[in-house]
Amino acid sequence: MTTPRPLVLVHADESCLGNQFADRDRPGGAAVLLEHWTNGGWVRRDLWTSDPSTTNNRMALTSAILALEALRERCRVRFVSDSKYLVNGASEWMPAWKRKGWKRKGGAIENLDLWKRLDRIIARHQVKWVWIRGHSGDPRNEYVNDLAQNAARELSVTPGPVPSGFEDWLEVQREEKQRYLDYFEFAPLDGEESSTEP
């Protein structure tokens, strides 16, 4: 009997500042929250990166690459993002592009370099892509949104996974803003789903 791969929950978001401007740099950030359940509770790590001039779509792809490259072993991954471009692209469009030799009817594939890089990384893992609506009340989505915006503003990068600030951030949200008072955390229900989803 084979031991199941560890389950990692990933929440990711991206930010691109100054999208309204065509004639100047648009700094961007990508951030992820990695969660793994152990008998002692959740183990969490944060990652973020930035680019001095980019797009939301490139940063969404970067968030997935950042998260999956950080995993040291083959894992089952539940990847949650509010980017339909990333979720639909990774689960639907990319397999079709590969079958056609990385081509599509509508012309060149935008961000092909990142899609190919992501494809190579995905091959190591079992990834379930989940889309959620942004700013809809999920604290983990809001947390990575804050991390991504800060990364874009500061043009900062983590050298690797760092201890997460999610629990402290959540406590501040509860005490100062009276938000997420009904948010409770439990162990994942099984290999695919987590009871922490809204």
N, C-alpha and C. Protein backbone atom coordinates (compact mmCIF):
# COMPACT_ATOMS: atom_id res chain seq x y z
N MET A 1 0.84 -1.18 0.00
CA MET A 1 0.00 0.00 0.00
C MET A 1 0.88 1.25 0.00
N THR A 2 0.59 2.17 -0.91
CA THR A 2 1.40 3.38 -1.01
C THR A 2 0.86 4.46 -0.07
N THR A 3 1.77 5.23 0.49
CA THR A 3 1.39 6.34 1.36
C THR A 3 0.88 7.48 0.50
N PRO A 4 -0.28 8.07 0.82
CA PRO A 4 -0.77 9.18 0.01
C PRO A 4 0.16 10.38 0.09
N ARG A 5 0.21 11.11 -1.00
CA ARG A 5 1.02 12.33 -1.00
C ARG A 5 0.46 13.32 0.02
N PRO A 6 1.33 14.13 0.62
CA PRO A 6 0.82 15.14 1.55
C PRO A 6 -0.08 16.14 0.83
N LEU A 7 -1.08 16.63 1.55
CA LEU A 7 -2.01 17.61 1.01
C LEU A 7 -1.57 19.01 1.42
N VAL A 8 -1.42 19.89 0.45
CA VAL A 8 -1.08 21.29 0.69
C VAL A 8 -2.19 22.15 0.11
N LEU A 9 -2.69 23.07 0.93
CA LEU A 9 -3.67 24.03 0.45
C LEU A 9 -2.95 25.32 0.12
N VAL A 10 -3.23 25.86 -1.06
CA VAL A 10 -2.58 27.09 -1.50
C VAL A 10 -3.65 28.13 -1.80
N HIS A 11 -3.47 29.30 -1.23
CA HIS A 11 -4.28 30.46 -1.60
C HIS A 11 -3.34 31.47 -2.23
N ALA A 12 -3.71 31.99 -3.40
CA ALA A 12 -2.83 32.87 -4.14
C ALA A 12 -3.58 34.08 -4.66
N ASP A 13 -2.86 35.17 -4.81
CA ASP A 13 -3.43 36.37 -5.42
C ASP A 13 -2.32 37.17 -6.07
N GLU A 14 -2.74 38.11 -6.91
CA GLU A 14 -1.80 38.93 -7.64
C GLU A 14 -2.27 40.37 -7.62
N SER A 15 -1.37 41.28 -7.89
CA SER A 15 -1.70 42.69 -7.93
C SER A 15 -0.85 43.35 -9.00
N CYS A 16 -1.44 44.30 -9.70
CA CYS A 16 -0.69 45.10 -10.66
C CYS A 16 -1.13 46.54 -10.49
N LEU A 17 -0.23 47.39 -10.06
CA LEU A 17 -0.55 48.78 -9.78
C LEU A 17 -0.38 49.63 -11.03
N GLY A 18 -1.32 50.51 -11.27
CA GLY A 18 -1.22 51.41 -12.42
C GLY A 18 -1.64 50.78 -13.72
N ASN A 19 -2.57 49.81 -13.67
CA ASN A 19 -3.05 49.19 -14.91
C ASN A 19 -3.64 50.22 -15.88
N GLN A 20 -4.13 51.33 -15.33
CA GLN A 20 -4.78 52.33 -16.17
C GLN A 20 -3.80 53.12 -17.03
N PHE A 21 -2.50 52.99 -16.74
CA PHE A 21 -1.49 53.75 -17.47
C PHE A 21 -0.82 52.88 -18.53
N ALA A 22 -0.73 53.42 -19.75
CA ALA A 22 -0.08 52.69 -20.83
C ALA A 22 1.35 53.17 -21.06
N ASP A 23 1.68 54.32 -20.52
CA ASP A 23 2.96 54.93 -20.85
C ASP A 23 3.96 54.93 -19.68
N ARG A 24 3.72 54.07 -18.69
CA ARG A 24 4.67 54.00 -17.59
C ARG A 24 4.67 52.60 -16.98
N ASP A 25 5.66 52.34 -16.14
CA ASP A 25 5.77 51.02 -15.53
C ASP A 25 4.57 50.72 -14.65
N ARG A 26 4.21 49.44 -14.60
CA ARG A 26 3.09 48.97 -13.77
C ARG A 26 3.63 47.90 -12.83
N PRO A 27 4.10 48.29 -11.65
CA PRO A 27 4.66 47.29 -10.72
C PRO A 27 3.61 46.27 -10.29
N GLY A 28 4.06 45.04 -10.16
CA GLY A 28 3.14 43.96 -9.79
C GLY A 28 3.70 43.11 -8.67
N GLY A 29 2.78 42.41 -8.00
CA GLY A 29 3.16 41.49 -6.95
C GLY A 29 2.34 40.21 -7.04
N ALA A 30 2.91 39.13 -6.57
CA ALA A 30 2.22 37.85 -6.48
C ALA A 30 2.52 37.27 -5.11
N ALA A 31 1.50 36.68 -4.47
CA ALA A 31 1.69 36.16 -3.12
C ALA A 31 0.91 34.87 -2.93
N VAL A 32 1.44 34.01 -2.06
CA VAL A 32 0.76 32.75 -1.76
C VAL A 32 0.85 32.45 -0.27
N LEU A 33 -0.19 31.79 0.20
CA LEU A 33 -0.25 31.22 1.55
C LEU A 33 -0.28 29.72 1.38
N LEU A 34 0.75 29.04 1.91
CA LEU A 34 0.83 27.58 1.87
C LEU A 34 0.36 27.04 3.21
N GLU A 35 -0.56 26.07 3.20
CA GLU A 35 -1.07 25.49 4.43
C GLU A 35 -0.98 23.97 4.37
N HIS A 36 -0.49 23.39 5.46
CA HIS A 36 -0.41 21.93 5.58
C HIS A 36 -0.89 21.56 6.97
N TRP A 37 -1.80 20.60 7.04
CA TRP A 37 -2.36 20.17 8.33
C TRP A 37 -1.50 19.09 8.95
N THR A 38 -1.15 19.26 10.21
CA THR A 38 -0.47 18.22 10.97
C THR A 38 -1.31 17.95 12.22
N ASN A 39 -0.93 16.93 13.00
CA ASN A 39 -1.68 16.63 14.22
C ASN A 39 -1.69 17.81 15.19
N GLY A 40 -0.71 18.68 15.06
CA GLY A 40 -0.65 19.85 15.93
C GLY A 40 -1.40 21.05 15.40
N GLY A 41 -2.01 20.94 14.23
CA GLY A 41 -2.76 22.05 13.63
C GLY A 41 -2.14 22.48 12.32
N TRP A 42 -2.47 23.67 11.89
CA TRP A 42 -2.00 24.17 10.60
C TRP A 42 -0.56 24.66 10.69
N VAL A 43 0.23 24.28 9.70
CA VAL A 43 1.55 24.84 9.49
C VAL A 43 1.42 25.74 8.27
N ARG A 44 1.79 27.00 8.43
CA ARG A 44 1.59 27.96 7.35
C ARG A 44 2.89 28.66 6.99
N ARG A 45 3.05 28.92 5.69
CA ARG A 45 4.18 29.68 5.19
C ARG A 45 3.67 30.66 4.13
N ASP A 46 4.34 31.80 4.04
CA ASP A 46 4.02 32.82 3.04
C ASP A 46 5.16 32.92 2.04
N LEU A 47 4.80 33.31 0.84
CA LEU A 47 5.76 33.60 -0.22
C LEU A 47 5.23 34.78 -1.02
N TRP A 48 6.12 35.64 -1.46
CA TRP A 48 5.70 36.68 -2.39
C TRP A 48 6.87 37.11 -3.25
N THR A 49 6.54 37.72 -4.37
CA THR A 49 7.55 38.24 -5.28
C THR A 49 6.97 39.47 -5.96
N SER A 50 7.79 40.15 -6.73
CA SER A 50 7.33 41.37 -7.41
C SER A 50 8.05 41.52 -8.74
N ASP A 51 7.51 42.43 -9.54
CA ASP A 51 8.09 42.74 -10.85
C ASP A 51 7.88 44.24 -11.07
N PRO A 52 8.91 44.96 -11.51
CA PRO A 52 8.76 46.41 -11.66
C PRO A 52 7.78 46.84 -12.74
N SER A 53 7.52 45.99 -13.72
CA SER A 53 6.55 46.33 -14.76
C SER A 53 5.98 45.06 -15.35
N THR A 54 4.69 44.83 -15.17
CA THR A 54 4.11 43.54 -15.54
C THR A 54 2.61 43.68 -15.77
N THR A 55 1.89 42.55 -15.75
CA THR A 55 0.43 42.54 -15.90
C THR A 55 -0.17 41.64 -14.83
N ASN A 56 -1.48 41.79 -14.62
CA ASN A 56 -2.17 40.91 -13.67
C ASN A 56 -2.04 39.45 -14.08
N ASN A 57 -2.18 39.17 -15.37
CA ASN A 57 -2.14 37.78 -15.82
C ASN A 57 -0.76 37.16 -15.59
N ARG A 58 0.29 37.91 -15.86
CA ARG A 58 1.64 37.37 -15.61
C ARG A 58 1.85 37.13 -14.11
N MET A 59 1.34 38.01 -13.28
CA MET A 59 1.49 37.83 -11.85
C MET A 59 0.65 36.66 -11.34
N ALA A 60 -0.52 36.41 -11.94
CA ALA A 60 -1.32 35.25 -11.55
C ALA A 60 -0.56 33.97 -11.85
N LEU A 61 0.03 33.88 -13.04
CA LEU A 61 0.83 32.71 -13.38
C LEU A 61 2.05 32.59 -12.46
N THR A 62 2.65 33.71 -12.15
CA THR A 62 3.81 33.71 -11.27
C THR A 62 3.44 33.19 -9.89
N SER A 63 2.24 33.51 -9.40
CA SER A 63 1.82 33.02 -8.08
C SER A 63 1.78 31.49 -8.05
N ALA A 64 1.31 30.89 -9.14
CA ALA A 64 1.25 29.42 -9.19
C ALA A 64 2.65 28.82 -9.28
N ILE A 65 3.49 29.40 -10.09
CA ILE A 65 4.87 28.91 -10.21
C ILE A 65 5.59 29.03 -8.87
N LEU A 66 5.43 30.17 -8.22
CA LEU A 66 6.06 30.42 -6.93
C LEU A 66 5.65 29.36 -5.90
N ALA A 67 4.35 29.09 -5.82
CA ALA A 67 3.84 28.14 -4.83
C ALA A 67 4.31 26.72 -5.12
N LEU A 68 4.14 26.27 -6.35
CA LEU A 68 4.44 24.87 -6.67
C LEU A 68 5.94 24.58 -6.68
N GLU A 69 6.75 25.57 -7.04
CA GLU A 69 8.21 25.38 -6.99
C GLU A 69 8.71 25.28 -5.55
N ALA A 70 7.95 25.85 -4.61
CA ALA A 70 8.39 25.84 -3.20
C ALA A 70 8.17 24.48 -2.54
N LEU A 71 7.35 23.61 -3.13
CA LEU A 71 7.05 22.31 -2.53
C LEU A 71 8.22 21.36 -2.76
N ARG A 72 8.79 20.83 -1.70
CA ARG A 72 10.01 20.03 -1.80
C ARG A 72 9.74 18.59 -2.22
N GLU A 73 8.50 18.14 -2.08
CA GLU A 73 8.16 16.78 -2.48
C GLU A 73 6.88 16.79 -3.30
N ARG A 74 6.59 15.65 -3.90
CA ARG A 74 5.36 15.54 -4.69
C ARG A 74 4.17 15.63 -3.75
N CYS A 75 3.22 16.48 -4.07
CA CYS A 75 2.09 16.74 -3.18
C CYS A 75 0.77 16.70 -3.93
N ARG A 76 -0.29 16.51 -3.15
CA ARG A 76 -1.63 16.82 -3.62
C ARG A 76 -1.85 18.28 -3.25
N VAL A 77 -2.29 19.08 -4.21
CA VAL A 77 -2.41 20.51 -3.99
C VAL A 77 -3.82 20.96 -4.32
N ARG A 78 -4.40 21.69 -3.41
CA ARG A 78 -5.67 22.36 -3.67
C ARG A 78 -5.33 23.83 -3.84
N PHE A 79 -5.34 24.30 -5.07
CA PHE A 79 -4.87 25.64 -5.40
C PHE A 79 -6.08 26.56 -5.61
N VAL A 80 -6.20 27.56 -4.73
CA VAL A 80 -7.36 28.46 -4.75
C VAL A 80 -6.91 29.85 -5.18
N SER A 81 -7.59 30.38 -6.19
CA SER A 81 -7.27 31.70 -6.73
C SER A 81 -8.53 32.38 -7.21
N ASP A 82 -8.51 33.72 -7.20
CA ASP A 82 -9.65 34.45 -7.77
C ASP A 82 -9.36 34.88 -9.21
N SER A 83 -8.31 34.31 -9.80
CA SER A 83 -7.97 34.59 -11.20
C SER A 83 -8.56 33.51 -12.10
N LYS A 84 -9.60 33.85 -12.85
CA LYS A 84 -10.15 32.90 -13.81
C LYS A 84 -9.14 32.59 -14.91
N TYR A 85 -8.33 33.57 -15.24
CA TYR A 85 -7.28 33.36 -16.25
C TYR A 85 -6.38 32.20 -15.83
N LEU A 86 -5.96 32.18 -14.58
CA LEU A 86 -5.08 31.12 -14.11
C LEU A 86 -5.83 29.80 -13.96
N VAL A 87 -6.96 29.82 -13.27
CA VAL A 87 -7.68 28.57 -12.98
C VAL A 87 -8.19 27.92 -14.26
N ASN A 88 -8.84 28.69 -15.13
CA ASN A 88 -9.34 28.12 -16.38
C ASN A 88 -8.18 27.73 -17.30
N GLY A 89 -7.15 28.56 -17.30
CA GLY A 89 -6.01 28.27 -18.15
C GLY A 89 -5.30 26.99 -17.77
N ALA A 90 -5.06 26.80 -16.48
CA ALA A 90 -4.33 25.61 -16.03
C ALA A 90 -5.16 24.35 -16.15
N SER A 91 -6.47 24.44 -15.91
CA SER A 91 -7.30 23.24 -15.89
C SER A 91 -7.93 22.91 -17.25
N GLU A 92 -8.12 23.91 -18.11
CA GLU A 92 -8.81 23.66 -19.38
C GLU A 92 -7.97 24.03 -20.61
N TRP A 93 -7.50 25.27 -20.66
CA TRP A 93 -6.85 25.75 -21.88
C TRP A 93 -5.50 25.08 -22.11
N MET A 94 -4.68 25.01 -21.07
CA MET A 94 -3.32 24.51 -21.25
C MET A 94 -3.27 23.07 -21.78
N PRO A 95 -4.09 22.14 -21.27
CA PRO A 95 -4.06 20.78 -21.85
C PRO A 95 -4.39 20.78 -23.35
N ALA A 96 -5.32 21.64 -23.75
CA ALA A 96 -5.67 21.71 -25.18
C ALA A 96 -4.53 22.31 -25.99
N TRP A 97 -3.90 23.35 -25.47
CA TRP A 97 -2.74 23.93 -26.17
C TRP A 97 -1.63 22.90 -26.35
N LYS A 98 -1.38 22.12 -25.32
CA LYS A 98 -0.31 21.12 -25.41
C LYS A 98 -0.61 20.08 -26.48
N ARG A 99 -1.86 19.63 -26.55
CA ARG A 99 -2.24 18.64 -27.56
C ARG A 99 -2.03 19.17 -28.97
N LYS A 100 -2.13 20.50 -29.12
CA LYS A 100 -1.98 21.12 -30.44
C LYS A 100 -0.58 21.68 -30.66
N GLY A 101 0.37 21.23 -29.85
CA GLY A 101 1.74 21.71 -30.00
C GLY A 101 1.93 23.14 -29.54
N TRP A 102 1.26 23.49 -28.44
CA TRP A 102 1.31 24.84 -27.87
C TRP A 102 0.85 25.89 -28.89
N LYS A 103 -0.27 25.58 -29.52
CA LYS A 103 -0.88 26.53 -30.45
C LYS A 103 -2.36 26.64 -30.14
N ARG A 104 -2.95 27.73 -30.60
CA ARG A 104 -4.40 27.91 -30.46
C ARG A 104 -4.92 28.62 -31.70
N LYS A 105 -6.22 28.47 -31.93
CA LYS A 105 -6.82 29.04 -33.14
C LYS A 105 -6.73 30.55 -33.17
N GLY A 106 -6.85 31.18 -32.03
CA GLY A 106 -6.91 32.64 -31.98
C GLY A 106 -5.58 33.35 -32.12
N GLY A 107 -4.51 32.62 -32.43
CA GLY A 107 -3.21 33.26 -32.58
C GLY A 107 -2.25 32.81 -31.49
N ALA A 108 -1.23 33.63 -31.28
CA ALA A 108 -0.19 33.29 -30.31
C ALA A 108 -0.75 33.21 -28.90
N ILE A 109 -0.20 32.32 -28.10
CA ILE A 109 -0.61 32.18 -26.70
C ILE A 109 0.11 33.24 -25.88
N GLU A 110 -0.67 34.07 -25.24
CA GLU A 110 -0.10 35.11 -24.39
C GLU A 110 0.59 34.47 -23.18
N ASN A 111 1.75 34.98 -22.83
CA ASN A 111 2.52 34.51 -21.67
C ASN A 111 2.96 33.05 -21.81
N LEU A 112 3.27 32.65 -23.03
CA LEU A 112 3.62 31.25 -23.30
C LEU A 112 4.81 30.78 -22.46
N ASP A 113 5.78 31.66 -22.22
CA ASP A 113 6.93 31.27 -21.41
C ASP A 113 6.52 30.81 -20.02
N LEU A 114 5.58 31.53 -19.42
CA LEU A 114 5.13 31.18 -18.07
C LEU A 114 4.23 29.95 -18.08
N TRP A 115 3.39 29.81 -19.10
CA TRP A 115 2.53 28.62 -19.19
C TRP A 115 3.38 27.36 -19.30
N LYS A 116 4.43 27.40 -20.12
CA LYS A 116 5.29 26.21 -20.27
C LYS A 116 6.04 25.90 -18.98
N ARG A 117 6.47 26.94 -18.29
CA ARG A 117 7.16 26.72 -17.02
C ARG A 117 6.21 26.11 -16.00
N LEU A 118 4.99 26.64 -15.94
CA LEU A 118 3.99 26.10 -15.02
C LEU A 118 3.68 24.65 -15.36
N ASP A 119 3.56 24.34 -16.63
CA ASP A 119 3.27 22.96 -17.05
C ASP A 119 4.32 21.99 -16.54
N ARG A 120 5.59 22.37 -16.63
CA ARG A 120 6.66 21.49 -16.15
C ARG A 120 6.56 21.26 -14.64
N ILE A 121 6.20 22.28 -13.91
CA ILE A 121 6.11 22.17 -12.45
C ILE A 121 4.89 21.35 -12.04
N ILE A 122 3.77 21.56 -12.70
CA ILE A 122 2.54 20.84 -12.38
C ILE A 122 2.74 19.34 -12.49
N ALA A 123 3.57 18.92 -13.42
CA ALA A 123 3.77 17.49 -13.68
C ALA A 123 4.21 16.72 -12.43
N ARG A 124 4.82 17.40 -11.47
CA ARG A 124 5.29 16.74 -10.24
C ARG A 124 4.16 16.50 -9.24
N HIS A 125 3.06 17.21 -9.38
CA HIS A 125 2.04 17.23 -8.34
C HIS A 125 0.68 16.81 -8.88
N GLN A 126 -0.26 16.58 -7.97
CA GLN A 126 -1.67 16.39 -8.32
C GLN A 126 -2.38 17.66 -7.89
N VAL A 127 -2.74 18.49 -8.86
CA VAL A 127 -3.28 19.81 -8.54
C VAL A 127 -4.77 19.88 -8.87
N LYS A 128 -5.54 20.34 -7.91
CA LYS A 128 -6.95 20.66 -8.14
C LYS A 128 -7.07 22.18 -8.10
N TRP A 129 -7.52 22.76 -9.22
CA TRP A 129 -7.64 24.20 -9.35
C TRP A 129 -9.03 24.64 -8.92
N VAL A 130 -9.12 25.63 -8.05
CA VAL A 130 -10.40 26.10 -7.51
C VAL A 130 -10.47 27.62 -7.66
N TRP A 131 -11.52 28.09 -8.31
CA TRP A 131 -11.73 29.53 -8.43
C TRP A 131 -12.69 29.99 -7.35
N ILE A 132 -12.36 31.12 -6.72
CA ILE A 132 -13.31 31.78 -5.81
C ILE A 132 -13.42 33.24 -6.23
N ARG A 133 -14.54 33.84 -5.92
CA ARG A 133 -14.73 35.26 -6.21
C ARG A 133 -13.86 36.09 -5.26
N GLY A 134 -13.13 37.03 -5.82
CA GLY A 134 -12.28 37.89 -4.99
C GLY A 134 -13.10 38.81 -4.11
N HIS A 135 -12.58 39.13 -2.96
CA HIS A 135 -13.21 40.06 -2.01
C HIS A 135 -14.62 39.63 -1.65
N SER A 136 -14.80 38.33 -1.47
CA SER A 136 -16.12 37.80 -1.15
C SER A 136 -16.21 37.28 0.28
N GLY A 137 -15.23 37.63 1.11
CA GLY A 137 -15.32 37.26 2.52
C GLY A 137 -14.41 36.14 2.96
N ASP A 138 -13.60 35.58 2.07
CA ASP A 138 -12.66 34.54 2.48
C ASP A 138 -11.41 35.22 3.03
N PRO A 139 -11.10 35.06 4.32
CA PRO A 139 -9.96 35.78 4.89
C PRO A 139 -8.62 35.42 4.26
N ARG A 140 -8.48 34.17 3.82
CA ARG A 140 -7.19 33.79 3.22
C ARG A 140 -6.99 34.49 1.88
N ASN A 141 -8.07 34.65 1.13
CA ASN A 141 -7.99 35.39 -0.13
C ASN A 141 -7.65 36.86 0.13
N GLU A 142 -8.26 37.44 1.13
CA GLU A 142 -7.98 38.84 1.47
C GLU A 142 -6.54 38.99 1.97
N TYR A 143 -6.06 38.01 2.71
CA TYR A 143 -4.70 38.07 3.24
C TYR A 143 -3.67 38.06 2.11
N VAL A 144 -3.80 37.13 1.18
CA VAL A 144 -2.82 37.09 0.09
C VAL A 144 -2.97 38.30 -0.83
N ASN A 145 -4.17 38.86 -0.92
CA ASN A 145 -4.35 40.10 -1.66
C ASN A 145 -3.52 41.22 -1.03
N ASP A 146 -3.56 41.31 0.30
CA ASP A 146 -2.74 42.31 0.99
C ASP A 146 -1.26 42.08 0.76
N LEU A 147 -0.83 40.81 0.85
CA LEU A 147 0.58 40.50 0.61
C LEU A 147 1.01 40.89 -0.80
N ALA A 148 0.17 40.59 -1.79
CA ALA A 148 0.52 40.89 -3.18
C ALA A 148 0.59 42.39 -3.42
N GLN A 149 -0.35 43.14 -2.84
CA GLN A 149 -0.32 44.59 -3.01
C GLN A 149 0.91 45.20 -2.35
N ASN A 150 1.25 44.71 -1.16
CA ASN A 150 2.46 45.20 -0.48
C ASN A 150 3.71 44.89 -1.29
N ALA A 151 3.77 43.68 -1.85
CA ALA A 151 4.93 43.31 -2.66
C ALA A 151 5.06 44.23 -3.87
N ALA A 152 3.93 44.56 -4.51
CA ALA A 152 3.96 45.44 -5.67
C ALA A 152 4.40 46.85 -5.28
N ARG A 153 3.88 47.35 -4.17
CA ARG A 153 4.25 48.70 -3.73
C ARG A 153 5.72 48.79 -3.33
N GLU A 154 6.20 47.76 -2.63
CA GLU A 154 7.56 47.78 -2.09
C GLU A 154 8.58 47.12 -3.02
N LEU A 155 8.09 46.47 -4.07
CA LEU A 155 8.95 45.67 -4.96
C LEU A 155 9.81 44.72 -4.13
N SER A 156 9.14 43.99 -3.24
CA SER A 156 9.85 43.07 -2.34
C SER A 156 9.68 41.63 -2.78
N VAL A 157 10.59 40.79 -2.29
CA VAL A 157 10.63 39.37 -2.64
C VAL A 157 11.06 38.59 -1.41
N THR A 158 10.42 37.44 -1.16
CA THR A 158 10.90 36.57 -0.09
C THR A 158 11.96 35.63 -0.68
N PRO A 159 12.98 35.28 0.11
CA PRO A 159 14.01 34.37 -0.40
C PRO A 159 13.53 32.93 -0.50
N GLY A 160 12.41 32.64 0.11
CA GLY A 160 11.81 31.31 0.16
C GLY A 160 10.62 31.40 1.09
N PRO A 161 9.97 30.28 1.39
CA PRO A 161 8.84 30.32 2.31
C PRO A 161 9.26 30.87 3.68
N VAL A 162 8.46 31.80 4.20
CA VAL A 162 8.73 32.39 5.51
C VAL A 162 7.54 32.10 6.42
N PRO A 163 7.75 32.11 7.75
CA PRO A 163 6.61 31.89 8.65
C PRO A 163 5.49 32.86 8.33
N SER A 164 4.28 32.35 8.30
CA SER A 164 3.13 33.15 7.88
C SER A 164 2.69 34.14 8.96
N GLY A 165 2.23 35.27 8.49
CA GLY A 165 1.63 36.26 9.37
C GLY A 165 0.11 36.20 9.37
N PHE A 166 -0.45 35.12 8.78
CA PHE A 166 -1.90 35.06 8.63
C PHE A 166 -2.64 35.13 9.96
N GLU A 167 -2.20 34.39 10.95
CA GLU A 167 -2.94 34.36 12.22
C GLU A 167 -2.92 35.72 12.90
N ASP A 168 -1.79 36.41 12.87
CA ASP A 168 -1.72 37.76 13.44
C ASP A 168 -2.61 38.72 12.66
N TRP A 169 -2.56 38.62 11.32
CA TRP A 169 -3.40 39.46 10.47
C TRP A 169 -4.87 39.22 10.78
N LEU A 170 -5.25 37.95 10.93
CA LEU A 170 -6.64 37.59 11.22
C LEU A 170 -7.08 38.18 12.56
N GLU A 171 -6.20 38.13 13.54
CA GLU A 171 -6.54 38.67 14.86
C GLU A 171 -6.77 40.17 14.79
N VAL A 172 -5.96 40.87 14.02
CA VAL A 172 -6.15 42.32 13.85
C VAL A 172 -7.48 42.60 13.16
N GLN A 173 -7.81 41.81 12.13
CA GLN A 173 -9.08 42.00 11.43
C GLN A 173 -10.25 41.82 12.39
N ARG A 174 -10.15 40.85 13.26
CA ARG A 174 -11.24 40.58 14.20
C ARG A 174 -11.36 41.67 15.26
N GLU A 175 -10.23 42.08 15.81
CA GLU A 175 -10.26 43.05 16.91
C GLU A 175 -10.56 44.46 16.44
N GLU A 176 -9.93 44.88 15.36
CA GLU A 176 -10.05 46.27 14.94
C GLU A 176 -11.18 46.53 13.96
N LYS A 177 -11.53 45.52 13.16
CA LYS A 177 -12.53 45.73 12.11
C LYS A 177 -13.77 44.87 12.29
N GLN A 178 -13.76 44.02 13.32
CA GLN A 178 -14.90 43.13 13.58
C GLN A 178 -15.23 42.27 12.35
N ARG A 179 -14.20 41.81 11.67
CA ARG A 179 -14.38 40.97 10.49
C ARG A 179 -13.98 39.54 10.83
N TYR A 180 -14.57 38.58 10.11
CA TYR A 180 -14.23 37.15 10.19
C TYR A 180 -14.45 36.55 11.57
N LEU A 181 -15.40 37.10 12.30
CA LEU A 181 -15.69 36.58 13.63
C LEU A 181 -16.30 35.18 13.56
N ASP A 182 -16.91 34.83 12.42
CA ASP A 182 -17.53 33.52 12.25
C ASP A 182 -16.64 32.56 11.45
N TYR A 183 -15.38 32.92 11.29
CA TYR A 183 -14.46 32.07 10.53
C TYR A 183 -13.79 31.10 11.49
N PHE A 184 -13.94 29.81 11.21
CA PHE A 184 -13.34 28.76 12.04
C PHE A 184 -12.48 27.87 11.15
N GLU A 185 -11.44 27.33 11.73
CA GLU A 185 -10.53 26.48 10.99
C GLU A 185 -10.57 25.05 11.51
N PHE A 186 -10.62 24.13 10.57
CA PHE A 186 -10.65 22.72 10.90
C PHE A 186 -9.67 21.98 9.99
N ALA A 187 -9.43 20.75 10.32
CA ALA A 187 -8.59 19.92 9.46
C ALA A 187 -9.30 19.69 8.12
N PRO A 188 -8.55 19.46 7.05
CA PRO A 188 -9.19 19.11 5.78
C PRO A 188 -10.07 17.88 5.95
N LEU A 189 -11.20 17.87 5.24
CA LEU A 189 -12.14 16.76 5.37
C LEU A 189 -11.61 15.48 4.73
N ASP A 190 -10.92 15.63 3.61
CA ASP A 190 -10.35 14.48 2.92
C ASP A 190 -9.24 14.97 2.02
N GLY A 191 -8.84 14.14 1.08
CA GLY A 191 -7.73 14.49 0.23
C GLY A 191 -7.97 15.64 -0.73
N GLU A 192 -9.21 16.02 -0.93
CA GLU A 192 -9.50 17.06 -1.90
C GLU A 192 -10.09 18.32 -1.29
N GLU A 193 -11.00 18.15 -0.34
CA GLU A 193 -11.75 19.31 0.15
C GLU A 193 -11.29 19.73 1.52
N SER A 194 -11.60 20.92 1.89
CA SER A 194 -11.26 21.45 3.21
C SER A 194 -12.49 22.14 3.78
N SER A 195 -12.75 21.90 5.06
CA SER A 195 -13.89 22.54 5.70
C SER A 195 -13.65 24.01 5.97
N THR A 196 -12.45 24.51 5.64
CA THR A 196 -12.20 25.92 5.84
C THR A 196 -12.70 26.76 4.68
N GLU A 197 -13.19 26.13 3.64
CA GLU A 197 -13.74 26.90 2.52
C GLU A 197 -15.07 27.51 2.93
N PRO A 198 -15.38 28.72 2.41
CA PRO A 198 -16.66 29.35 2.75
C PRO A 198 -17.84 28.59 2.14
